[in-house]
């Protein structure tokens, strides 16, 4: 495995503005913030953050998933980035207040 952790941050924009989605603008800002925070700590060799298409968690967006642990986060804001980096990426402690859990066939918070 090339990376110890790999973040996929949803950047999907639904065509219907009445439906919630992670959004290109917000998703791009989150990607940039995670990349900046990871680089600032010198972790870019071991951890990668990148944008992705729809993660099918629109109602909980903006969403991201961290692999290989498959830890899902939802309702992320730029203010949450440092906490996720420090707690989960650096100290291997997922941020419980932001986590999404699978219950049955659908992702539910």
PDB file of N, CA and C in Angstrom:
ATOM      1  N   UNK A   1       0.848  -1.170   0.000  1.00  0.00           N
ATOM      2  CA  UNK A   1       0.000   0.000   0.000  1.00  0.00           C
ATOM      3  C   UNK A   1       0.897   1.237   0.000  1.00  0.00           C
ATOM      4  N   UNK A   2       0.597   2.162  -0.902  1.00  0.00           N
ATOM      5  CA  UNK A   2       1.412   3.363  -1.010  1.00  0.00           C
ATOM      6  C   UNK A   2       1.178   4.322   0.155  1.00  0.00           C
ATOM      7  N   UNK A   3      -0.067   4.505   0.544  1.00  0.00           N
ATOM      8  CA  UNK A   3      -0.401   5.447   1.624  1.00  0.00           C
ATOM      9  C   UNK A   3      -0.890   4.692   2.849  1.00  0.00           C
ATOM     10  N   UNK A   4      -0.543   5.201   4.020  1.00  0.00           N
ATOM     11  CA  UNK A   4      -1.067   4.617   5.259  1.00  0.00           C
ATOM     12  C   UNK A   4      -2.537   4.975   5.432  1.00  0.00           C
ATOM     13  N   UNK A   5      -2.907   6.188   5.010  1.00  0.00           N
ATOM     14  CA  UNK A   5      -4.298   6.632   5.045  1.00  0.00           C
ATOM     15  C   UNK A   5      -4.594   7.387   3.750  1.00  0.00           C
ATOM     16  N   UNK A   6      -5.817   7.213   3.279  1.00  0.00           N
ATOM     17  CA  UNK A   6      -6.233   7.854   2.035  1.00  0.00           C
ATOM     18  C   UNK A   6      -7.627   8.437   2.257  1.00  0.00           C
ATOM     19  N   UNK A   7      -7.759   9.752   2.112  1.00  0.00           N
ATOM     20  CA  UNK A   7      -9.039  10.443   2.306  1.00  0.00           C
ATOM     21  C   UNK A   7      -9.676  10.714   0.959  1.00  0.00           C
ATOM     22  N   UNK A   8     -10.936  10.340   0.844  1.00  0.00           N
ATOM     23  CA  UNK A   8     -11.728  10.655  -0.337  1.00  0.00           C
ATOM     24  C   UNK A   8     -12.808  11.639   0.101  1.00  0.00           C
ATOM     25  N   UNK A   9     -12.762  12.849  -0.444  1.00  0.00           N
ATOM     26  CA  UNK A   9     -13.651  13.929  -0.031  1.00  0.00           C
ATOM     27  C   UNK A   9     -14.619  14.217  -1.172  1.00  0.00           C
ATOM     28  N   UNK A  10     -15.899  14.068  -0.894  1.00  0.00           N
ATOM     29  CA  UNK A  10     -16.911  14.238  -1.931  1.00  0.00           C
ATOM     30  C   UNK A  10     -16.912  15.664  -2.463  1.00  0.00           C
ATOM     31  N   UNK A  11     -16.979  15.745  -3.765  1.00  0.00           N
ATOM     32  CA  UNK A  11     -16.975  17.020  -4.467  1.00  0.00           C
ATOM     33  C   UNK A  11     -18.158  17.073  -5.434  1.00  0.00           C
ATOM     34  N   UNK A  12     -19.146  16.200  -5.215  1.00  0.00           N
ATOM     35  CA  UNK A  12     -20.268  16.076  -6.137  1.00  0.00           C
ATOM     36  C   UNK A  12     -21.282  17.201  -5.959  1.00  0.00           C
ATOM     37  N   UNK A  13     -21.777  17.683  -7.065  1.00  0.00           N
ATOM     38  CA  UNK A  13     -22.808  18.731  -7.080  1.00  0.00           C
ATOM     39  C   UNK A  13     -24.022  18.158  -7.792  1.00  0.00           C
ATOM     40  N   UNK A  14     -25.123  18.026  -7.076  1.00  0.00           N
ATOM     41  CA  UNK A  14     -26.360  17.547  -7.703  1.00  0.00           C
ATOM     42  C   UNK A  14     -26.911  18.619  -8.625  1.00  0.00           C
ATOM     43  N   UNK A  15     -27.471  18.208  -9.759  1.00  0.00           N
ATOM     44  CA  UNK A  15     -28.023  19.201 -10.687  1.00  0.00           C
ATOM     45  C   UNK A  15     -29.238  19.950 -10.130  1.00  0.00           C
ATOM     46  N   UNK A  16     -29.965  19.320  -9.219  1.00  0.00           N
ATOM     47  CA  UNK A  16     -31.136  19.944  -8.612  1.00  0.00           C
ATOM     48  C   UNK A  16     -30.694  20.657  -7.332  1.00  0.00           C
ATOM     49  N   UNK A  17     -30.658  21.996  -7.344  1.00  0.00           N
ATOM     50  CA  UNK A  17     -30.181  22.725  -6.159  1.00  0.00           C
ATOM     51  C   UNK A  17     -31.070  22.549  -4.928  1.00  0.00           C
ATOM     52  N   UNK A  18     -32.272  22.029  -5.113  1.00  0.00           N
ATOM     53  CA  UNK A  18     -33.160  21.811  -3.976  1.00  0.00           C
ATOM     54  C   UNK A  18     -32.753  20.581  -3.172  1.00  0.00           C
ATOM     55  N   UNK A  19     -31.937  19.712  -3.770  1.00  0.00           N
ATOM     56  CA  UNK A  19     -31.481  18.510  -3.075  1.00  0.00           C
ATOM     57  C   UNK A  19     -30.100  18.757  -2.493  1.00  0.00           C
ATOM     58  N   UNK A  20     -29.900  18.314  -1.270  1.00  0.00           N
ATOM     59  CA  UNK A  20     -28.617  18.501  -0.593  1.00  0.00           C
ATOM     60  C   UNK A  20     -27.521  17.702  -1.300  1.00  0.00           C
ATOM     61  N   UNK A  21     -26.355  18.300  -1.386  1.00  0.00           N
ATOM     62  CA  UNK A  21     -25.183  17.598  -1.908  1.00  0.00           C
ATOM     63  C   UNK A  21     -23.942  18.207  -1.271  1.00  0.00           C
ATOM     64  N   UNK A  22     -22.830  17.529  -1.429  1.00  0.00           N
ATOM     65  CA  UNK A  22     -21.582  18.001  -0.825  1.00  0.00           C
ATOM     66  C   UNK A  22     -21.108  19.283  -1.503  1.00  0.00           C
ATOM     67  N   UNK A  23     -21.265  19.352  -2.788  1.00  0.00           N
ATOM     68  CA  UNK A  23     -20.967  20.572  -3.523  1.00  0.00           C
ATOM     69  C   UNK A  23     -19.522  20.746  -3.910  1.00  0.00           C
ATOM     70  N   UNK A  24     -19.314  21.165  -5.137  1.00  0.00           N
ATOM     71  CA  UNK A  24     -17.967  21.383  -5.659  1.00  0.00           C
ATOM     72  C   UNK A  24     -17.224  22.449  -4.860  1.00  0.00           C
ATOM     73  N   UNK A  25     -17.883  23.563  -4.594  1.00  0.00           N
ATOM     74  CA  UNK A  25     -17.214  24.655  -3.900  1.00  0.00           C
ATOM     75  C   UNK A  25     -16.782  24.240  -2.495  1.00  0.00           C
ATOM     76  N   UNK A  26     -17.701  23.676  -1.731  1.00  0.00           N
ATOM     77  CA  UNK A  26     -17.375  23.272  -0.362  1.00  0.00           C
ATOM     78  C   UNK A  26     -16.395  22.100  -0.357  1.00  0.00           C
ATOM     79  N   UNK A  27     -16.647  21.113  -1.242  1.00  0.00           N
ATOM     80  CA  UNK A  27     -15.749  19.959  -1.323  1.00  0.00           C
ATOM     81  C   UNK A  27     -14.335  20.370  -1.697  1.00  0.00           C
ATOM     82  N   UNK A  28     -14.204  21.292  -2.644  1.00  0.00           N
ATOM     83  CA  UNK A  28     -12.879  21.754  -3.053  1.00  0.00           C
ATOM     84  C   UNK A  28     -12.164  22.477  -1.929  1.00  0.00           C
ATOM     85  N   UNK A  29     -12.903  23.255  -1.156  1.00  0.00           N
ATOM     86  CA  UNK A  29     -12.305  23.957  -0.018  1.00  0.00           C
ATOM     87  C   UNK A  29     -11.831  22.961   1.033  1.00  0.00           C
ATOM     88  N   UNK A  30     -12.609  21.896   1.267  1.00  0.00           N
ATOM     89  CA  UNK A  30     -12.206  20.871   2.223  1.00  0.00           C
ATOM     90  C   UNK A  30     -10.960  20.128   1.738  1.00  0.00           C
ATOM     91  N   UNK A  31     -10.927  19.783   0.447  1.00  0.00           N
ATOM     92  CA  UNK A  31      -9.759  19.098  -0.109  1.00  0.00           C
ATOM     93  C   UNK A  31      -8.509  19.964   0.100  1.00  0.00           C
ATOM     94  N   UNK A  32      -8.614  21.237  -0.243  1.00  0.00           N
ATOM     95  CA  UNK A  32      -7.473  22.152  -0.102  1.00  0.00           C
ATOM     96  C   UNK A  32      -7.035  22.258   1.360  1.00  0.00           C
ATOM     97  N   UNK A  33      -7.982  22.348   2.273  1.00  0.00           N
ATOM     98  CA  UNK A  33      -7.654  22.479   3.690  1.00  0.00           C
ATOM     99  C   UNK A  33      -6.990  21.209   4.226  1.00  0.00           C
ATOM    100  N   UNK A  34      -7.501  20.044   3.837  1.00  0.00           N
ATOM    101  CA  UNK A  34      -6.872  18.802   4.278  1.00  0.00           C
ATOM    102  C   UNK A  34      -5.468  18.674   3.702  1.00  0.00           C
ATOM    103  N   UNK A  35      -5.311  18.966   2.415  1.00  0.00           N
ATOM    104  CA  UNK A  35      -3.980  18.884   1.804  1.00  0.00           C
ATOM    105  C   UNK A  35      -2.996  19.821   2.496  1.00  0.00           C
ATOM    106  N   UNK A  36      -3.448  21.026   2.786  1.00  0.00           N
ATOM    107  CA  UNK A  36      -2.590  22.010   3.455  1.00  0.00           C
ATOM    108  C   UNK A  36      -2.197  21.537   4.857  1.00  0.00           C
ATOM    109  N   UNK A  37      -3.172  21.039   5.606  1.00  0.00           N
ATOM    110  CA  UNK A  37      -2.902  20.561   6.970  1.00  0.00           C
ATOM    111  C   UNK A  37      -1.995  19.344   6.996  1.00  0.00           C
ATOM    112  N   UNK A  38      -2.181  18.451   6.050  1.00  0.00           N
ATOM    113  CA  UNK A  38      -1.340  17.256   5.941  1.00  0.00           C
ATOM    114  C   UNK A  38       0.088  17.649   5.579  1.00  0.00           C
ATOM    115  N   UNK A  39       0.210  18.541   4.616  1.00  0.00           N
ATOM    116  CA  UNK A  39       1.545  18.987   4.182  1.00  0.00           C
ATOM    117  C   UNK A  39       2.263  19.751   5.306  1.00  0.00           C
ATOM    118  N   UNK A  40       1.521  20.586   6.023  1.00  0.00           N
ATOM    119  CA  UNK A  40       2.116  21.377   7.105  1.00  0.00           C
ATOM    120  C   UNK A  40       2.740  20.480   8.185  1.00  0.00           C
ATOM    121  N   UNK A  41       2.197  19.266   8.327  1.00  0.00           N
ATOM    122  CA  UNK A  41       2.729  18.327   9.322  1.00  0.00           C
ATOM    123  C   UNK A  41       3.751  17.361   8.714  1.00  0.00           C
ATOM    124  N   UNK A  42       4.058  17.533   7.421  1.00  0.00           N
ATOM    125  CA  UNK A  42       5.018  16.661   6.746  1.00  0.00           C
ATOM    126  C   UNK A  42       4.513  15.250   6.539  1.00  0.00           C
ATOM    127  N   UNK A  43       3.184  15.087   6.443  1.00  0.00           N
ATOM    128  CA  UNK A  43       2.582  13.759   6.335  1.00  0.00           C
ATOM    129  C   UNK A  43       2.205  13.369   4.910  1.00  0.00           C
ATOM    130  N   UNK A  44       2.516  14.204   3.922  1.00  0.00           N
ATOM    131  CA  UNK A  44       2.052  13.976   2.558  1.00  0.00           C
ATOM    132  C   UNK A  44       2.631  12.714   1.914  1.00  0.00           C
ATOM    133  N   UNK A  45       3.689  12.161   2.458  1.00  0.00           N
ATOM    134  CA  UNK A  45       4.240  10.908   1.944  1.00  0.00           C
ATOM    135  C   UNK A  45       3.350   9.728   2.348  1.00  0.00           C
ATOM    136  N   UNK A  46       2.779   9.804   3.549  1.00  0.00           N
ATOM    137  CA  UNK A  46       1.992   8.694   4.106  1.00  0.00           C
ATOM    138  C   UNK A  46       0.484   8.871   4.012  1.00  0.00           C
ATOM    139  N   UNK A  47       0.021  10.093   3.828  1.00  0.00           N
ATOM    140  CA  UNK A  47      -1.424  10.365   3.814  1.00  0.00           C
ATOM    141  C   UNK A  47      -1.768  11.189   2.586  1.00  0.00           C
ATOM    142  N   UNK A  48      -2.824  10.768   1.889  1.00  0.00           N
ATOM    143  CA  UNK A  48      -3.268  11.503   0.701  1.00  0.00           C
ATOM    144  C   UNK A  48      -4.726  11.902   0.870  1.00  0.00           C
ATOM    145  N   UNK A  49      -5.020  13.139   0.507  1.00  0.00           N
ATOM    146  CA  UNK A  49      -6.395  13.639   0.478  1.00  0.00           C
ATOM    147  C   UNK A  49      -6.708  13.988  -0.965  1.00  0.00           C
ATOM    148  N   UNK A  50      -7.878  13.569  -1.434  1.00  0.00           N
ATOM    149  CA  UNK A  50      -8.249  13.887  -2.806  1.00  0.00           C
ATOM    150  C   UNK A  50      -9.757  14.001  -2.940  1.00  0.00           C
ATOM    151  N   UNK A  51     -10.166  14.723  -3.961  1.00  0.00           N
ATOM    152  CA  UNK A  51     -11.595  14.851  -4.234  1.00  0.00           C
ATOM    153  C   UNK A  51     -12.091  13.599  -4.930  1.00  0.00           C
ATOM    154  N   UNK A  52     -13.373  13.360  -4.765  1.00  0.00           N
ATOM    155  CA  UNK A  52     -13.998  12.231  -5.430  1.00  0.00           C
ATOM    156  C   UNK A  52     -15.402  12.624  -5.850  1.00  0.00           C
ATOM    157  N   UNK A  53     -15.988  11.800  -6.659  1.00  0.00           N
ATOM    158  CA  UNK A  53     -17.383  11.986  -7.022  1.00  0.00           C
ATOM    159  C   UNK A  53     -18.273  11.568  -5.866  1.00  0.00           C
ATOM    160  N   UNK A  54     -19.524  11.363  -6.173  1.00  0.00           N
ATOM    161  CA  UNK A  54     -20.523  11.077  -5.150  1.00  0.00           C
ATOM    162  C   UNK A  54     -20.169   9.843  -4.320  1.00  0.00           C
ATOM    163  N   UNK A  55     -20.291   9.985  -3.010  1.00  0.00           N
ATOM    164  CA  UNK A  55     -20.079   8.885  -2.069  1.00  0.00           C
ATOM    165  C   UNK A  55     -21.414   8.292  -1.601  1.00  0.00           C
ATOM    166  N   UNK A  56     -22.520   8.745  -2.180  1.00  0.00           N
ATOM    167  CA  UNK A  56     -23.867   8.300  -1.811  1.00  0.00           C
ATOM    168  C   UNK A  56     -24.196   8.581  -0.351  1.00  0.00           C
ATOM    169  N   UNK A  57     -23.712   9.691   0.143  1.00  0.00           N
ATOM    170  CA  UNK A  57     -24.031  10.131   1.506  1.00  0.00           C
ATOM    171  C   UNK A  57     -24.492  11.587   1.456  1.00  0.00           C
ATOM    172  N   UNK A  58     -25.179  11.945   0.393  1.00  0.00           N
ATOM    173  CA  UNK A  58     -25.567  13.338   0.136  1.00  0.00           C
ATOM    174  C   UNK A  58     -26.292  13.994   1.308  1.00  0.00           C
ATOM    175  N   UNK A  59     -27.211  13.276   1.914  1.00  0.00           N
ATOM    176  CA  UNK A  59     -27.990  13.879   2.997  1.00  0.00           C
ATOM    177  C   UNK A  59     -27.145  14.184   4.219  1.00  0.00           C
ATOM    178  N   UNK A  60     -25.938  13.629   4.275  1.00  0.00           N
ATOM    179  CA  UNK A  60     -25.034  13.861   5.397  1.00  0.00           C
ATOM    180  C   UNK A  60     -23.847  14.727   5.004  1.00  0.00           C
ATOM    181  N   UNK A  61     -23.880  15.261   3.793  1.00  0.00           N
ATOM    182  CA  UNK A  61     -22.723  15.980   3.264  1.00  0.00           C
ATOM    183  C   UNK A  61     -22.470  17.307   3.930  1.00  0.00           C
ATOM    184  N   UNK A  62     -21.311  17.821   3.689  1.00  0.00           N
ATOM    185  CA  UNK A  62     -20.196  17.257   2.950  1.00  0.00           C
ATOM    186  C   UNK A  62     -19.626  16.034   3.661  1.00  0.00           C
ATOM    187  N   UNK A  63     -19.299  15.018   2.861  1.00  0.00           N
ATOM    188  CA  UNK A  63     -18.851  13.736   3.396  1.00  0.00           C
ATOM    189  C   UNK A  63     -17.442  13.400   2.939  1.00  0.00           C
ATOM    190  N   UNK A  64     -16.793  12.579   3.758  1.00  0.00           N
ATOM    191  CA  UNK A  64     -15.506  12.006   3.364  1.00  0.00           C
ATOM    192  C   UNK A  64     -15.377  10.644   4.005  1.00  0.00           C
ATOM    193  N   UNK A  65     -14.511   9.830   3.418  1.00  0.00           N
ATOM    194  CA  UNK A  65     -14.208   8.515   3.975  1.00  0.00           C
ATOM    195  C   UNK A  65     -12.696   8.373   4.029  1.00  0.00           C
ATOM    196  N   UNK A  66     -12.227   7.782   5.132  1.00  0.00           N
ATOM    197  CA  UNK A  66     -10.797   7.557   5.340  1.00  0.00           C
ATOM    198  C   UNK A  66     -10.537   6.054   5.231  1.00  0.00           C
ATOM    199  N   UNK A  67      -9.656   5.689   4.317  1.00  0.00           N
ATOM    200  CA  UNK A  67      -9.238   4.294   4.172  1.00  0.00           C
ATOM    201  C   UNK A  67      -7.808   4.157   4.622  1.00  0.00           C
ATOM    202  N   UNK A  68      -7.397   3.002   5.136  1.00  0.00           N
ATOM    203  CA  UNK A  68      -8.047   1.703   5.002  1.00  0.00           C
ATOM    204  C   UNK A  68      -9.083   1.395   6.078  1.00  0.00           C
ATOM    205  N   UNK A  69      -9.290   2.289   7.055  1.00  0.00           N
ATOM    206  CA  UNK A  69     -10.218   1.989   8.143  1.00  0.00           C
ATOM    207  C   UNK A  69     -11.687   2.050   7.730  1.00  0.00           C
ATOM    208  N   UNK A  70     -11.984   2.692   6.611  1.00  0.00           N
ATOM    209  CA  UNK A  70     -13.362   2.898   6.158  1.00  0.00           C
ATOM    210  C   UNK A  70     -14.175   3.671   7.194  1.00  0.00           C
ATOM    211  N   UNK A  71     -13.584   4.726   7.729  1.00  0.00           N
ATOM    212  CA  UNK A  71     -14.273   5.612   8.660  1.00  0.00           C
ATOM    213  C   UNK A  71     -14.893   6.738   7.843  1.00  0.00           C
ATOM    214  N   UNK A  72     -16.200   6.894   7.994  1.00  0.00           N
ATOM    215  CA  UNK A  72     -16.963   7.899   7.260  1.00  0.00           C
ATOM    216  C   UNK A  72     -17.246   9.089   8.160  1.00  0.00           C
ATOM    217  N   UNK A  73     -17.169  10.289   7.575  1.00  0.00           N
ATOM    218  CA  UNK A  73     -17.517  11.527   8.265  1.00  0.00           C
ATOM    219  C   UNK A  73     -18.550  12.287   7.455  1.00  0.00           C
ATOM    220  N   UNK A  74     -19.422  13.014   8.158  1.00  0.00           N
ATOM    221  CA  UNK A  74     -20.429  13.811   7.482  1.00  0.00           C
ATOM    222  C   UNK A  74     -20.598  15.169   8.127  1.00  0.00           C
ATOM    223  N   UNK A  75     -21.271  16.053   7.407  1.00  0.00           N
ATOM    224  CA  UNK A  75     -21.547  17.424   7.846  1.00  0.00           C
ATOM    225  C   UNK A  75     -20.261  18.162   8.204  1.00  0.00           C
ATOM    226  N   UNK A  76     -19.219  17.913   7.426  1.00  0.00           N
ATOM    227  CA  UNK A  76     -17.923  18.538   7.693  1.00  0.00           C
ATOM    228  C   UNK A  76     -17.914  20.014   7.330  1.00  0.00           C
ATOM    229  N   UNK A  77     -17.190  20.770   8.129  1.00  0.00           N
ATOM    230  CA  UNK A  77     -16.954  22.180   7.837  1.00  0.00           C
ATOM    231  C   UNK A  77     -15.441  22.401   7.851  1.00  0.00           C
ATOM    232  N   UNK A  78     -15.032  23.534   7.365  1.00  0.00           N
ATOM    233  CA  UNK A  78     -13.600  23.858   7.395  1.00  0.00           C
ATOM    234  C   UNK A  78     -13.072  23.891   8.829  1.00  0.00           C
ATOM    235  N   UNK A  79     -13.929  24.238   9.764  1.00  0.00           N
ATOM    236  CA  UNK A  79     -13.532  24.294  11.173  1.00  0.00           C
ATOM    237  C   UNK A  79     -13.223  22.899  11.742  1.00  0.00           C
ATOM    238  N   UNK A  80     -13.680  21.829  11.069  1.00  0.00           N
ATOM    239  CA  UNK A  80     -13.455  20.461  11.542  1.00  0.00           C
ATOM    240  C   UNK A  80     -12.147  19.855  11.035  1.00  0.00           C
ATOM    241  N   UNK A  81     -11.542  20.457  10.042  1.00  0.00           N
ATOM    242  CA  UNK A  81     -10.382  19.860   9.375  1.00  0.00           C
ATOM    243  C   UNK A  81      -9.236  19.598  10.338  1.00  0.00           C
ATOM    244  N   UNK A  82      -8.846  20.589  11.121  1.00  0.00           N
ATOM    245  CA  UNK A  82      -7.710  20.421  12.036  1.00  0.00           C
ATOM    246  C   UNK A  82      -7.975  19.316  13.055  1.00  0.00           C
ATOM    247  N   UNK A  83      -9.203  19.233  13.548  1.00  0.00           N
ATOM    248  CA  UNK A  83      -9.538  18.197  14.530  1.00  0.00           C
ATOM    249  C   UNK A  83      -9.435  16.805  13.911  1.00  0.00           C
ATOM    250  N   UNK A  84      -9.934  16.644  12.698  1.00  0.00           N
ATOM    251  CA  UNK A  84      -9.855  15.345  12.031  1.00  0.00           C
ATOM    252  C   UNK A  84      -8.400  14.974  11.758  1.00  0.00           C
ATOM    253  N   UNK A  85      -7.614  15.936  11.303  1.00  0.00           N
ATOM    254  CA  UNK A  85      -6.191  15.653  11.040  1.00  0.00           C
ATOM    255  C   UNK A  85      -5.488  15.235  12.332  1.00  0.00           C
ATOM    256  N   UNK A  86      -5.621  16.044  13.361  1.00  0.00           N
ATOM    257  CA  UNK A  86      -4.891  15.782  14.608  1.00  0.00           C
ATOM    258  C   UNK A  86      -5.383  14.512  15.294  1.00  0.00           C
ATOM    259  N   UNK A  87      -6.699  14.388  15.433  1.00  0.00           N
ATOM    260  CA  UNK A  87      -7.245  13.255  16.164  1.00  0.00           C
ATOM    261  C   UNK A  87      -7.142  11.951  15.374  1.00  0.00           C
ATOM    262  N   UNK A  88      -7.655  11.952  14.149  1.00  0.00           N
ATOM    263  CA  UNK A  88      -7.728  10.702  13.394  1.00  0.00           C
ATOM    264  C   UNK A  88      -6.449  10.394  12.618  1.00  0.00           C
ATOM    265  N   UNK A  89      -5.984  11.346  11.830  1.00  0.00           N
ATOM    266  CA  UNK A  89      -4.848  11.054  10.957  1.00  0.00           C
ATOM    267  C   UNK A  89      -3.541  10.941  11.726  1.00  0.00           C
ATOM    268  N   UNK A  90      -3.335  11.785  12.718  1.00  0.00           N
ATOM    269  CA  UNK A  90      -2.088  11.759  13.489  1.00  0.00           C
ATOM    270  C   UNK A  90      -2.164  10.756  14.643  1.00  0.00           C
ATOM    271  N   UNK A  91      -3.272  10.777  15.393  1.00  0.00           N
ATOM    272  CA  UNK A  91      -3.365   9.967  16.614  1.00  0.00           C
ATOM    273  C   UNK A  91      -4.265   8.735  16.509  1.00  0.00           C
ATOM    274  N   UNK A  92      -4.766   8.448  15.314  1.00  0.00           N
ATOM    275  CA  UNK A  92      -5.589   7.248  15.063  1.00  0.00           C
ATOM    276  C   UNK A  92      -6.837   7.150  15.936  1.00  0.00           C
ATOM    277  N   UNK A  93      -7.408   8.312  16.293  1.00  0.00           N
ATOM    278  CA  UNK A  93      -8.640   8.360  17.072  1.00  0.00           C
ATOM    279  C   UNK A  93      -9.714   9.069  16.248  1.00  0.00           C
ATOM    280  N   UNK A  94     -10.626   8.325  15.624  1.00  0.00           N
ATOM    281  CA  UNK A  94     -11.673   8.974  14.846  1.00  0.00           C
ATOM    282  C   UNK A  94     -12.456   9.995  15.684  1.00  0.00           C
ATOM    283  N   UNK A  95     -12.955  11.014  15.024  1.00  0.00           N
ATOM    284  CA  UNK A  95     -13.738  12.070  15.671  1.00  0.00           C
ATOM    285  C   UNK A  95     -15.187  11.600  15.707  1.00  0.00           C
ATOM    286  N   UNK A  96     -15.604  11.088  16.847  1.00  0.00           N
ATOM    287  CA  UNK A  96     -16.928  10.452  16.967  1.00  0.00           C
ATOM    288  C   UNK A  96     -18.086  11.384  16.638  1.00  0.00           C
ATOM    289  N   UNK A  97     -17.997  12.642  17.006  1.00  0.00           N
ATOM    290  CA  UNK A  97     -19.132  13.548  16.786  1.00  0.00           C
ATOM    291  C   UNK A  97     -19.414  13.785  15.301  1.00  0.00           C
ATOM    292  N   UNK A  98     -18.456  13.473  14.436  1.00  0.00           N
ATOM    293  CA  UNK A  98     -18.614  13.673  12.992  1.00  0.00           C
ATOM    294  C   UNK A  98     -18.816  12.372  12.219  1.00  0.00           C
ATOM    295  N   UNK A  99     -18.684  11.246  12.902  1.00  0.00           N
ATOM    296  CA  UNK A  99     -18.739   9.949  12.222  1.00  0.00           C
ATOM    297  C   UNK A  99     -20.127   9.605  11.721  1.00  0.00           C
ATOM    298  N   UNK A 100     -20.139   8.900  10.604  1.00  0.00           N
ATOM    299  CA  UNK A 100     -21.339   8.284  10.062  1.00  0.00           C
ATOM    300  C   UNK A 100     -21.163   6.785  10.206  1.00  0.00           C
ATOM    301  N   UNK A 101     -22.271   6.073  10.467  1.00  0.00           N
ATOM    302  CA  UNK A 101     -22.208   4.619  10.645  1.00  0.00           C
ATOM    303  C   UNK A 101     -23.210   3.966   9.717  1.00  0.00           C
ATOM    304  N   UNK A 102     -22.849   2.805   9.207  1.00  0.00           N
ATOM    305  CA  UNK A 102     -23.771   2.036   8.378  1.00  0.00           C
ATOM    306  C   UNK A 102     -24.738   1.291   9.282  1.00  0.00           C
ATOM    307  N   UNK A 103     -26.038   1.434   8.993  1.00  0.00           N
ATOM    308  CA  UNK A 103     -27.083   0.703   9.702  1.00  0.00           C
ATOM    309  C   UNK A 103     -28.017   0.171   8.631  1.00  0.00           C
ATOM    310  N   UNK A 104     -27.970  -1.105   8.405  1.00  0.00           N
ATOM    311  CA  UNK A 104     -28.793  -1.679   7.352  1.00  0.00           C
ATOM    312  C   UNK A 104     -28.225  -1.302   5.990  1.00  0.00           C
ATOM    313  N   UNK A 105     -29.087  -1.229   4.987  1.00  0.00           N
ATOM    314  CA  UNK A 105     -28.597  -1.015   3.624  1.00  0.00           C
ATOM    315  C   UNK A 105     -28.186   0.425   3.320  1.00  0.00           C
ATOM    316  N   UNK A 106     -28.579   1.383   4.153  1.00  0.00           N
ATOM    317  CA  UNK A 106     -28.288   2.772   3.875  1.00  0.00           C
ATOM    318  C   UNK A 106     -27.378   3.371   4.928  1.00  0.00           C
ATOM    319  N   UNK A 107     -26.631   4.361   4.530  1.00  0.00           N
ATOM    320  CA  UNK A 107     -25.780   5.079   5.456  1.00  0.00           C
ATOM    321  C   UNK A 107     -26.649   6.025   6.277  1.00  0.00           C
ATOM    322  N   UNK A 108     -26.594   5.889   7.597  1.00  0.00           N
ATOM    323  CA  UNK A 108     -27.417   6.714   8.467  1.00  0.00           C
ATOM    324  C   UNK A 108     -26.543   7.312   9.556  1.00  0.00           C
ATOM    325  N   UNK A 109     -26.897   8.494   9.975  1.00  0.00           N
ATOM    326  CA  UNK A 109     -26.152   9.132  11.063  1.00  0.00           C
ATOM    327  C   UNK A 109     -26.742   8.756  12.385  1.00  0.00           C
TER     328      UNK A 109
END
